Amino acid sequence: MVGEELKTELDQLIEDLHNPLYYFDEKPGNLRIDFIETFCKHTKSPFNGQPFILELWE
C-alpha cells in the first residue's frame, strides 16, 4: 500500500511524461557521469587513486 502523497506525486509525474512542455534528454547527464568516472579519483584509503564509479541512484 502506498501513501496518498506518494500516489499523488507519481500520478503527476506520469502526467508530465505526456506534457509537450517537458522533455527528457540523457546527454547532459551522461556528459557529467563520464567526466566524474573518467577524471575524478578517490583521495583516501582504501580506495586512493581509484576512479569514482557512480551507483545507478547517483
Protein backbone atom coordinates (compact mmCIF):
# COMPACT_ATOMS: atom_id res chain seq x y z
CA MET A 1 0.00 0.00 0.00
CA VAL A 2 1.21 3.49 -0.87
CA GLY A 3 0.76 6.76 1.00
CA GLU A 4 -1.62 9.30 -0.54
CA GLU A 5 1.11 11.93 -1.01
CA LEU A 6 3.34 9.49 -2.88
CA LYS A 7 0.48 8.35 -5.10
CA THR A 8 -0.40 11.97 -5.92
CA GLU A 9 3.24 12.75 -6.79
CA LEU A 10 3.59 9.67 -9.00
CA ASP A 11 0.33 10.47 -10.80
CA GLN A 12 1.65 13.99 -11.50
CA LEU A 13 4.95 12.64 -12.83
CA ILE A 14 3.10 10.29 -15.17
CA GLU A 15 1.01 13.22 -16.45
CA ASP A 16 4.17 15.25 -17.03
CA LEU A 17 5.59 12.50 -19.26
CA HIS A 18 2.86 13.33 -21.76
CA ASN A 19 3.17 17.12 -21.43
CA PRO A 20 4.87 18.67 -24.52
CA LEU A 21 6.36 21.44 -22.34
CA TYR A 22 8.72 18.88 -20.79
CA TYR A 23 11.27 16.64 -22.46
CA PHE A 24 13.93 14.24 -21.23
CA ASP A 25 17.44 14.42 -22.62
CA GLU A 26 20.07 11.98 -21.30
CA LYS A 27 23.03 13.69 -22.98
CA PRO A 28 23.79 16.41 -20.36
CA GLY A 29 23.65 13.89 -17.52
CA ASN A 30 25.78 11.35 -19.35
CA LEU A 31 28.45 14.00 -20.03
CA ARG A 32 28.71 14.64 -16.30
CA ILE A 33 28.75 10.96 -15.42
CA ASP A 34 31.50 10.30 -17.97
CA PHE A 35 33.56 13.19 -16.58
CA ILE A 36 33.24 12.02 -12.96
CA GLU A 37 34.01 8.39 -13.76
CA THR A 38 36.96 9.31 -16.02
CA PHE A 39 38.71 12.17 -14.25
CA CYS A 40 37.70 12.10 -10.56
CA LYS A 41 39.68 9.82 -8.27
CA HIS A 42 39.31 8.85 -4.62
CA THR A 43 41.84 10.51 -2.33
CA LYS A 44 41.53 8.40 0.83
CA SER A 45 42.44 4.84 1.67
CA PRO A 46 41.47 2.13 0.88
CA PHE A 47 40.31 3.49 -2.49
CA ASN A 48 43.09 6.05 -3.02
CA GLY A 49 43.70 6.67 -6.72
CA GLN A 50 40.75 4.59 -7.89
CA PRO A 51 38.11 6.22 -10.09
CA PHE A 52 34.68 7.12 -8.78
CA ILE A 53 32.19 4.65 -10.22
CA LEU A 54 28.71 6.00 -9.63
CA GLU A 55 25.86 3.81 -8.47
CA LEU A 56 22.65 3.80 -10.53
CA TRP A 57 20.87 6.04 -7.99
CA GLU A 58 23.64 8.65 -8.07
